[in-house]
Amino acid sequence: MNTAPQTPASPSPVFLAPKSTKRRNPTLGIVGLVVTIGVAATGRWLLASSAAAHASRPEPTLPVSVRVLPVVEEVVTSGVRYSGVVKELQKVELSFRVSGTIDYLHQVTAPGGRMRPIHEGDTLDKGTVIARLDPDDYKRQRGQAAEQLATARARLLQAKSNTEQAQLDFRRTEQLAQRNSVSTSELDNARTKLQGMKAVEAAAQADVASAAIGLDQAMANLEYCSLVVPFEKSTIALRAIDNNERITPNQRTFTIVDVSSVVISFNVPDTLVGRLAIGQQVDVATDALPGQRFVGVMHKVASTADSRTRTYAIEVRVDNPAGLRPGMVATVVFRKETKAHLLPLTSVAQGASAQELIVYRVEDEGGRSIIRQVPVAFEDVLDNKVAIHLQESGGLRPGDRVVATGVHRLRDGQLIKVVE
């Protein structure tokens, strides 16, 4: 078997291979550059598409938590205050109507159980005898007056008896004169005697009346020897006498004040006096008795104004003052109750202009709670609240819910979450 002779590999392919490799290197670079540009363009397109997708779908806004309150009508209590000096309801200066010597002053129990005469500050009940004169002289006068009255009455009885006898004598004489048994002169004498007896009887009657007046005066003088407390609850404001002192009529002995009630005096302008009426109740307080409140009653309202101050004098009476003393300074409060729709100042914000005020009303739109600006007008500011004026249309209505706080960080149409 003939075998073809082995020949060595041709060297030509080995020579041509390098040349072929040198030709392909530029081609691969161009292809890689094209691929790289395509990938970059695709990436930019994907990034732009992603950004556009995100821009067209914004993240949902979270609701803001707020506290709300309803618009309701409330009772508003306001007051006008006036200060005045506390005075006693009644005051009297006691004096004896007769002269004499003090032989008795009322005694009260002093600390330690001993007795002492009354003096300033003591409180006594009505009818208490606080001082008395020596009554002996007036008792004697009463006895003498009683004797004079008895004597006058006896004389009157005798005069009446004489008059009756003279009357009988005149009638008999008159009958005899009709029968011509006595002379005319005897009849005239009988008539004259009767008239004289009647005059004596009239004088005796006058003496009896005079003696009775004398006895009444003597008895009154005896009663005038005692000074009696005139008020239900009297306080000694002044004692000007001592025991064994000689007193003249109308000389001041005691000053007594009635402290069962006190009055507060002050003046009010014409803008207020028209709203006051006798019997109206007011509140009374004083710094001297912190924490205590008293109920006063309108006691006096002047009908005319003072010509100089153009104000009206007012007196408020406080019954059972319980420590409210004359001389203290008290404050009288005239309270006025009105109804208003109140909102806290923290719920009000400034609107588009400095003159516009707004609140945020909670509304339900599509099952979501949002807030809407509502302009408001206020009537008055009371402490930290504002009394708003409800409008008939377009404004707040009773029962609306408004944001109570944090209104300056909110905006119209904002989604909110109500915090109870």
Protein backbone atom coordinates (compact mmCIF):
# COMPACT_ATOMS: atom_id res chain seq x y z
CA MET A 1 0.00 0.00 0.00
CA ASN A 2 1.36 3.14 -1.15
CA THR A 3 1.30 5.82 1.44
CA ALA A 4 1.47 9.37 0.47
CA PRO A 5 4.57 10.93 1.71
CA GLN A 6 4.21 13.19 4.80
CA THR A 7 4.90 16.75 3.91
CA PRO A 8 5.36 19.57 6.36
CA ALA A 9 2.59 22.14 6.91
CA SER A 10 2.65 24.90 4.51
CA PRO A 11 4.13 27.99 5.97
CA SER A 12 1.90 30.32 3.98
CA PRO A 13 -1.07 30.18 6.35
CA VAL A 14 1.18 31.02 9.21
CA PHE A 15 2.45 34.01 7.25
CA LEU A 16 -1.03 35.24 6.23
CA ALA A 17 -2.63 34.98 9.74
CA PRO A 18 -0.95 38.04 11.16
CA LYS A 19 -2.01 40.12 8.27
CA SER A 20 -5.67 39.04 8.70
CA THR A 21 -5.59 39.96 12.47
CA LYS A 22 -4.32 43.42 11.84
CA ARG A 23 -7.23 44.11 9.51
CA ARG A 24 -9.98 43.03 12.09
CA ASN A 25 -8.89 45.24 15.12
CA PRO A 26 -10.42 48.56 13.82
CA THR A 27 -13.65 46.84 13.04
CA LEU A 28 -14.09 45.50 16.58
CA GLY A 29 -13.44 48.98 18.08
CA ILE A 30 -16.08 50.53 15.92
CA VAL A 31 -18.59 47.84 16.86
CA GLY A 32 -17.84 48.32 20.59
CA LEU A 33 -18.26 52.07 20.34
CA VAL A 34 -21.60 51.63 18.61
CA VAL A 35 -22.74 49.19 21.27
CA THR A 36 -21.62 51.54 24.07
CA ILE A 37 -23.44 54.49 22.56
CA GLY A 38 -26.59 52.42 22.19
CA VAL A 39 -26.44 51.26 25.79
CA ALA A 40 -25.89 54.81 27.03
CA ALA A 41 -28.78 56.12 24.97
CA THR A 42 -30.98 53.34 26.24
CA GLY A 43 -29.97 54.12 29.84
CA ARG A 44 -30.69 57.81 29.42
CA TRP A 45 -34.04 56.97 27.90
CA LEU A 46 -34.87 54.66 30.79
CA LEU A 47 -33.81 57.27 33.34
CA ALA A 48 -35.86 59.95 31.59
CA SER A 49 -38.85 57.63 31.43
CA SER A 50 -38.50 56.81 35.14
CA ALA A 51 -38.19 60.49 36.06
CA ALA A 52 -41.20 61.35 33.92
CA ALA A 53 -43.17 58.55 35.57
CA HIS A 54 -42.28 59.84 39.04
CA ALA A 55 -43.08 63.44 38.09
CA SER A 56 -46.52 62.52 36.84
CA ARG A 57 -47.34 60.59 40.04
CA PRO A 58 -46.64 62.86 43.12
CA GLU A 59 -46.63 61.28 46.55
CA PRO A 60 -49.97 61.69 48.42
CA THR A 61 -50.07 64.52 51.09
CA LEU A 62 -50.53 63.28 54.69
CA PRO A 63 -53.43 64.86 56.65
CA VAL A 64 -52.58 67.38 59.38
CA SER A 65 -53.86 66.58 62.86
CA VAL A 66 -55.90 69.45 64.30
CA ARG A 67 -58.18 70.06 67.25
CA VAL A 68 -61.62 71.45 66.51
CA LEU A 69 -64.50 72.88 68.49
CA PRO A 70 -68.13 73.59 67.62
CA VAL A 71 -69.65 77.05 67.27
CA VAL A 72 -72.17 77.18 70.13
CA GLU A 73 -73.93 79.92 72.03
CA GLU A 74 -72.61 80.58 75.52
CA VAL A 75 -73.70 82.72 78.45
CA VAL A 76 -71.30 85.63 78.92
CA THR A 77 -71.13 87.29 82.31
CA SER A 78 -69.65 90.78 82.44
CA GLY A 79 -69.54 93.29 85.25
CA VAL A 80 -68.96 96.92 86.11
CA ARG A 81 -67.18 97.62 89.40
CA TYR A 82 -67.51 100.57 91.75
CA SER A 83 -65.80 101.10 95.07
CA GLY A 84 -67.33 102.85 98.06
CA VAL A 85 -67.00 103.28 101.80
CA VAL A 86 -69.03 101.02 104.07
CA LYS A 87 -71.34 102.92 106.41
CA GLU A 88 -73.74 101.92 109.15
CA LEU A 89 -77.39 101.64 108.19
CA GLN A 90 -78.50 103.86 111.10
CA LYS A 91 -76.71 106.10 113.57
CA VAL A 92 -78.09 107.97 116.58
CA GLU A 93 -76.73 110.08 119.41
CA LEU A 94 -78.42 109.33 122.74
CA SER A 95 -79.00 111.93 125.43
CA PHE A 96 -81.14 112.31 128.54
CA ARG A 97 -84.19 114.55 128.28
CA VAL A 98 -83.89 115.47 131.96
CA SER A 99 -81.02 116.44 134.19
CA GLY A 100 -79.61 114.26 136.92
CA THR A 101 -76.67 112.24 138.18
CA ILE A 102 -75.54 109.02 136.54
CA ASP A 103 -75.93 106.21 139.03
CA TYR A 104 -75.89 103.21 136.65
CA LEU A 105 -73.99 102.10 133.53
CA HIS A 106 -74.72 98.76 131.92
CA GLN A 107 -72.21 96.05 132.82
CA VAL A 108 -70.81 93.39 130.50
CA THR A 109 -68.54 90.44 131.15
CA ALA A 110 -64.89 91.22 130.51
CA PRO A 111 -62.10 88.69 129.84
CA GLY A 112 -61.42 86.77 133.03
CA GLY A 113 -65.06 86.79 134.08
CA ARG A 114 -65.10 90.16 135.80
CA MET A 115 -67.76 92.78 135.04
CA ARG A 116 -67.04 96.17 133.51
CA PRO A 117 -69.10 99.14 132.25
CA ILE A 118 -69.89 99.17 128.53
CA HIS A 119 -67.61 101.07 126.18
CA GLU A 120 -66.87 101.48 122.48
CA GLY A 121 -67.22 98.33 120.42
CA ASP A 122 -69.70 96.54 122.66
CA THR A 123 -72.78 95.15 120.93
CA LEU A 124 -76.15 95.20 122.69
CA ASP A 125 -79.67 94.02 121.95
CA LYS A 126 -82.63 96.28 121.48
CA GLY A 127 -84.27 97.43 124.72
CA THR A 128 -81.15 97.10 126.88
CA VAL A 129 -80.88 99.89 129.51
CA ILE A 130 -77.35 101.21 129.06
CA ALA A 131 -77.44 104.15 131.54
CA ARG A 132 -79.75 105.53 134.22
CA LEU A 133 -80.00 108.70 136.29
CA ASP A 134 -80.69 108.78 140.02
CA PRO A 135 -84.51 108.49 140.01
CA ASP A 136 -85.21 109.66 143.58
CA ASP A 137 -86.00 113.28 142.70
CA TYR A 138 -88.32 112.22 139.90
CA LYS A 139 -90.04 109.67 142.11
CA ARG A 140 -90.81 112.47 144.58
CA GLN A 141 -92.13 114.63 141.76
CA ARG A 142 -94.33 111.79 140.68
CA GLY A 143 -95.70 111.43 144.21
CA GLN A 144 -96.44 115.12 144.46
CA ALA A 145 -98.16 115.11 141.10
CA ALA A 146 -100.27 112.16 142.17
CA GLU A 147 -101.34 114.01 145.34
CA GLN A 148 -102.22 117.12 143.38
CA LEU A 149 -104.34 115.06 141.03
CA ALA A 150 -106.16 113.42 143.94
CA THR A 151 -106.86 116.82 145.53
CA ALA A 152 -108.12 118.22 142.25
CA ARG A 153 -110.43 115.28 141.78
CA ALA A 154 -111.84 115.75 145.29
CA ARG A 155 -112.51 119.40 144.59
CA LEU A 156 -114.21 118.46 141.39
CA LEU A 157 -116.53 116.06 143.21
CA GLN A 158 -117.41 118.80 145.72
CA ALA A 159 -118.03 121.27 142.92
CA LYS A 160 -120.30 118.83 141.13
CA SER A 161 -122.28 118.27 144.35
CA ASN A 162 -122.66 122.00 144.89
CA THR A 163 -123.80 122.44 141.30
CA GLU A 164 -126.45 119.75 141.70
CA GLN A 165 -127.75 121.39 144.90
CA ALA A 166 -127.86 124.77 143.23
CA GLN A 167 -129.78 123.23 140.34
CA LEU A 168 -132.42 121.82 142.71
CA ASP A 169 -132.73 125.10 144.55
CA PHE A 170 -133.23 127.01 141.33
CA ARG A 171 -135.97 124.64 140.14
CA ARG A 172 -137.93 124.93 143.42
CA THR A 173 -137.58 128.69 143.41
CA GLU A 174 -138.72 128.82 139.80
CA GLN A 175 -141.84 126.76 140.63
CA LEU A 176 -142.70 128.98 143.59
CA ALA A 177 -142.20 132.06 141.44
CA GLN A 178 -144.75 130.70 138.97
CA ARG A 179 -147.31 130.60 141.87
CA ASN A 180 -146.19 134.06 143.04
CA SER A 181 -144.95 132.50 146.29
CA VAL A 182 -141.49 134.07 146.04
CA SER A 183 -140.28 137.35 144.77
CA THR A 184 -138.43 137.91 141.54
CA SER A 185 -135.27 138.81 143.39
CA GLU A 186 -135.19 135.44 145.13
CA LEU A 187 -135.50 133.71 141.75
CA ASP A 188 -132.62 135.80 140.40
CA ASN A 189 -130.46 134.89 143.39
CA ALA A 190 -131.11 131.18 142.84
CA ARG A 191 -130.19 131.51 139.18
CA THR A 192 -126.98 133.40 139.99
CA LYS A 193 -125.97 130.79 142.57
CA LEU A 194 -126.46 127.98 140.03
CA GLN A 195 -124.29 129.76 137.49
CA GLY A 196 -121.57 130.27 140.10
CA MET A 197 -121.59 126.59 141.06
CA LYS A 198 -121.23 125.63 137.40
CA ALA A 199 -118.22 127.94 137.05
CA VAL A 200 -116.62 126.40 140.14
CA GLU A 201 -117.20 122.93 138.71
CA ALA A 202 -115.58 123.91 135.41
CA ALA A 203 -112.56 125.29 137.26
CA ALA A 204 -112.29 122.08 139.28
CA GLN A 205 -112.46 120.08 136.05
CA ALA A 206 -109.59 122.14 134.61
CA ASP A 207 -107.58 121.58 137.79
CA VAL A 208 -108.05 117.85 137.46
CA ALA A 209 -106.87 117.92 133.84
CA SER A 210 -103.84 120.01 134.77
CA ALA A 211 -102.98 117.71 137.68
CA ALA A 212 -103.30 114.70 135.37
CA ILE A 213 -100.88 116.30 132.91
CA GLY A 214 -98.50 117.00 135.76
CA LEU A 215 -98.64 113.38 136.83
CA ASP A 216 -98.06 112.16 133.27
CA GLN A 217 -95.07 114.48 132.98
CA ALA A 218 -93.66 113.28 136.28
CA MET A 219 -94.03 109.68 135.21
CA ALA A 220 -92.43 110.47 131.85
CA ASN A 221 -89.52 112.24 133.56
CA LEU A 222 -89.03 109.15 135.65
CA GLU A 223 -88.88 107.06 132.50
CA TYR A 224 -86.50 109.57 130.92
CA CYS A 225 -84.01 108.67 133.61
CA SER A 226 -83.14 105.55 131.59
CA LEU A 227 -81.41 105.29 128.19
CA VAL A 228 -82.46 102.30 126.10
CA VAL A 229 -80.78 100.73 123.04
CA PRO A 230 -82.94 101.63 120.02
CA PHE A 231 -81.81 99.11 117.35
CA GLU A 232 -82.08 95.36 116.99
CA LYS A 233 -78.30 95.01 116.96
CA SER A 234 -76.58 98.11 118.25
CA THR A 235 -72.89 98.80 118.66
CA ILE A 236 -71.44 101.46 120.95
CA ALA A 237 -69.50 103.88 118.76
CA LEU A 238 -68.88 106.43 121.53
CA ARG A 239 -69.38 106.67 125.30
CA ALA A 240 -69.11 110.22 126.62
CA ILE A 241 -70.24 109.81 130.27
CA ASP A 242 -69.04 108.18 133.46
CA ASN A 243 -70.67 107.03 136.65
CA ASN A 244 -71.67 109.74 139.17
CA GLU A 245 -71.40 112.42 136.50
CA ARG A 246 -73.93 115.24 136.51
CA ILE A 247 -75.88 115.36 133.24
CA THR A 248 -77.89 118.18 131.71
CA PRO A 249 -80.78 117.70 129.27
CA ASN A 250 -79.75 116.94 125.65
CA GLN A 251 -76.11 116.39 126.60
CA ARG A 252 -74.58 113.71 124.35
CA THR A 253 -73.93 110.49 126.24
CA PHE A 254 -73.63 107.68 123.67
CA THR A 255 -73.33 107.29 119.89
CA ILE A 256 -75.05 104.12 118.75
CA VAL A 257 -74.81 102.56 115.29
CA ASP A 258 -76.98 99.85 113.79
CA VAL A 259 -74.71 97.09 112.46
CA SER A 260 -77.44 94.60 111.60
CA SER A 261 -77.04 95.98 108.08
CA VAL A 262 -74.48 98.19 106.36
CA VAL A 263 -74.60 100.33 103.24
CA ILE A 264 -71.97 101.10 100.59
CA SER A 265 -72.16 104.57 99.09
CA PHE A 266 -70.75 105.53 95.68
CA ASN A 267 -71.64 107.50 92.54
CA VAL A 268 -72.42 106.23 89.04
CA PRO A 269 -72.65 108.04 85.67
CA ASP A 270 -75.86 108.61 83.76
CA THR A 271 -74.95 105.77 81.39
CA LEU A 272 -75.50 103.25 84.18
CA VAL A 273 -78.11 104.76 86.47
CA GLY A 274 -80.89 103.98 84.01
CA ARG A 275 -80.22 100.24 84.40
CA LEU A 276 -80.43 100.30 88.21
CA ALA A 277 -83.56 99.73 90.26
CA ILE A 278 -84.45 99.57 93.95
CA GLY A 279 -84.25 95.96 95.16
CA GLN A 280 -81.80 94.83 92.47
CA GLN A 281 -79.20 92.36 93.78
CA VAL A 282 -75.47 92.95 93.31
CA ASP A 283 -72.23 91.30 94.44
CA VAL A 284 -70.09 92.92 97.14
CA ALA A 285 -66.48 92.13 98.10
CA THR A 286 -63.75 93.80 100.12
CA ASP A 287 -59.98 93.38 100.32
CA ALA A 288 -60.28 93.39 104.12
CA LEU A 289 -62.10 90.04 103.95
CA PRO A 290 -60.44 88.13 101.09
CA GLY A 291 -62.41 85.25 99.70
CA GLN A 292 -65.74 86.39 101.14
CA ARG A 293 -68.62 87.49 98.95
CA PHE A 294 -71.73 89.32 100.09
CA VAL A 295 -75.10 89.82 98.45
CA GLY A 296 -76.16 93.46 98.34
CA VAL A 297 -79.48 95.04 97.48
CA MET A 298 -80.00 98.40 95.81
CA HIS A 299 -81.08 100.59 98.73
CA LYS A 300 -81.13 104.07 97.25
CA VAL A 301 -80.89 105.54 93.74
CA ALA A 302 -80.72 109.32 93.53
CA SER A 303 -83.34 110.90 91.30
CA THR A 304 -81.12 113.83 90.29
CA ALA A 305 -77.42 114.13 89.49
CA ASP A 306 -74.89 116.03 91.52
CA SER A 307 -74.53 119.50 90.04
CA ARG A 308 -70.73 119.39 90.21
CA THR A 309 -69.83 115.80 89.27
CA ARG A 310 -72.92 115.04 87.16
CA THR A 311 -73.12 111.61 88.80
CA TYR A 312 -75.86 109.91 90.79
CA ALA A 313 -75.55 108.84 94.43
CA ILE A 314 -76.15 105.13 94.99
CA GLU A 315 -76.45 103.09 98.19
CA VAL A 316 -76.28 99.31 98.36
CA ARG A 317 -77.47 97.62 101.56
CA VAL A 318 -75.89 94.40 102.84
CA ASP A 319 -77.93 92.51 105.42
CA ASN A 320 -76.11 90.26 107.90
CA PRO A 321 -72.70 91.70 106.95
CA ALA A 322 -70.75 89.11 109.00
CA GLY A 323 -67.56 91.13 109.47
CA LEU A 324 -68.20 93.91 106.98
CA ARG A 325 -67.67 96.97 109.19
CA PRO A 326 -68.26 100.70 108.76
CA GLY A 327 -65.19 102.41 107.35
CA MET A 328 -64.03 99.54 105.14
CA VAL A 329 -63.70 100.02 101.39
CA ALA A 330 -65.92 97.60 99.45
CA THR A 331 -66.37 96.88 95.75
CA VAL A 332 -69.82 96.54 94.22
CA VAL A 333 -70.12 94.52 91.00
CA PHE A 334 -73.06 95.03 88.66
CA ARG A 335 -73.19 91.81 86.67
CA LYS A 336 -74.74 91.50 83.22
CA GLU A 337 -75.44 88.19 81.50
CA THR A 338 -75.69 88.00 77.72
CA LYS A 339 -75.53 85.23 75.14
CA ALA A 340 -72.84 85.13 72.45
CA HIS A 341 -71.00 82.74 70.14
CA LEU A 342 -67.44 82.57 71.48
CA LEU A 343 -64.26 81.26 69.89
CA PRO A 344 -60.74 81.25 71.33
CA LEU A 345 -58.35 83.84 70.01
CA THR A 346 -56.08 80.99 68.85
CA SER A 347 -58.69 79.96 66.27
CA VAL A 348 -58.61 83.34 64.47
CA ALA A 349 -56.01 84.17 61.79
CA GLN A 350 -55.37 87.13 59.53
CA GLY A 351 -56.79 86.88 56.05
CA ALA A 352 -55.60 88.33 52.77
CA SER A 353 -55.56 91.85 54.22
CA ALA A 354 -54.82 93.27 57.62
CA GLN A 355 -58.48 94.10 58.10
CA GLU A 356 -59.74 90.59 57.29
CA LEU A 357 -60.00 87.86 59.89
CA ILE A 358 -60.64 84.23 59.07
CA VAL A 359 -61.22 80.88 60.73
CA TYR A 360 -60.91 77.41 59.25
CA ARG A 361 -64.13 75.45 59.08
CA VAL A 362 -64.00 71.66 58.84
CA GLU A 363 -65.96 70.30 55.88
CA ASP A 364 -66.52 66.83 54.46
CA GLU A 365 -65.72 66.51 50.76
CA GLY A 366 -65.74 63.08 49.16
CA GLY A 367 -65.43 61.32 52.46
CA ARG A 368 -62.36 63.36 53.43
CA SER A 369 -62.10 66.08 56.07
CA ILE A 370 -60.68 69.31 54.70
CA ILE A 371 -60.64 72.88 55.92
CA ARG A 372 -62.01 75.97 54.24
CA GLN A 373 -61.34 79.61 55.05
CA VAL A 374 -64.35 81.48 56.36
CA PRO A 375 -64.23 85.25 57.03
CA VAL A 376 -65.55 86.32 60.42
CA ALA A 377 -66.48 89.58 62.12
CA PHE A 378 -66.24 89.89 65.88
CA GLU A 379 -68.40 91.89 68.27
CA ASP A 380 -66.23 91.95 71.38
CA VAL A 381 -63.14 90.44 73.01
CA LEU A 382 -63.68 88.77 76.38
CA ASP A 383 -60.50 87.65 78.14
CA ASN A 384 -58.96 85.09 75.75
CA LYS A 385 -62.08 84.64 73.64
CA VAL A 386 -63.72 86.59 70.87
CA ALA A 387 -67.47 86.98 70.40
CA ILE A 388 -68.14 86.46 66.71
CA HIS A 389 -71.03 87.72 64.61
CA LEU A 390 -72.77 84.95 62.68
CA GLN A 391 -73.70 85.86 59.14
CA GLU A 392 -76.95 84.77 57.54
CA SER A 393 -75.27 83.34 54.43
CA GLY A 394 -71.77 82.31 53.50
CA GLY A 395 -70.39 82.61 57.03
CA LEU A 396 -70.26 80.52 60.14
CA ARG A 397 -73.42 78.88 61.40
CA PRO A 398 -74.29 77.40 64.78
CA GLY A 399 -72.91 73.89 65.00
CA ASP A 400 -70.03 74.43 62.55
CA ARG A 401 -66.70 72.97 63.59
CA VAL A 402 -63.64 75.19 63.39
CA VAL A 403 -59.95 74.57 64.02
CA ALA A 404 -59.09 75.65 67.55
CA THR A 405 -55.29 76.09 67.45
CA GLY A 406 -52.38 76.21 65.04
CA VAL A 407 -54.31 78.05 62.32
CA HIS A 408 -51.27 80.00 61.11
CA ARG A 409 -49.67 76.88 59.59
CA LEU A 410 -52.78 75.80 57.67
CA ARG A 411 -54.01 76.62 54.19
CA ASP A 412 -57.35 76.58 52.45
CA GLY A 413 -58.43 73.14 51.19
CA GLN A 414 -55.85 71.26 53.28
CA LEU A 415 -56.58 67.67 54.28
CA ILE A 416 -56.86 67.31 58.04
CA LYS A 417 -57.39 64.69 60.68
CA VAL A 418 -59.59 65.68 63.63
CA VAL A 419 -58.08 64.93 67.05
CA GLU A 420 -60.82 64.56 69.64
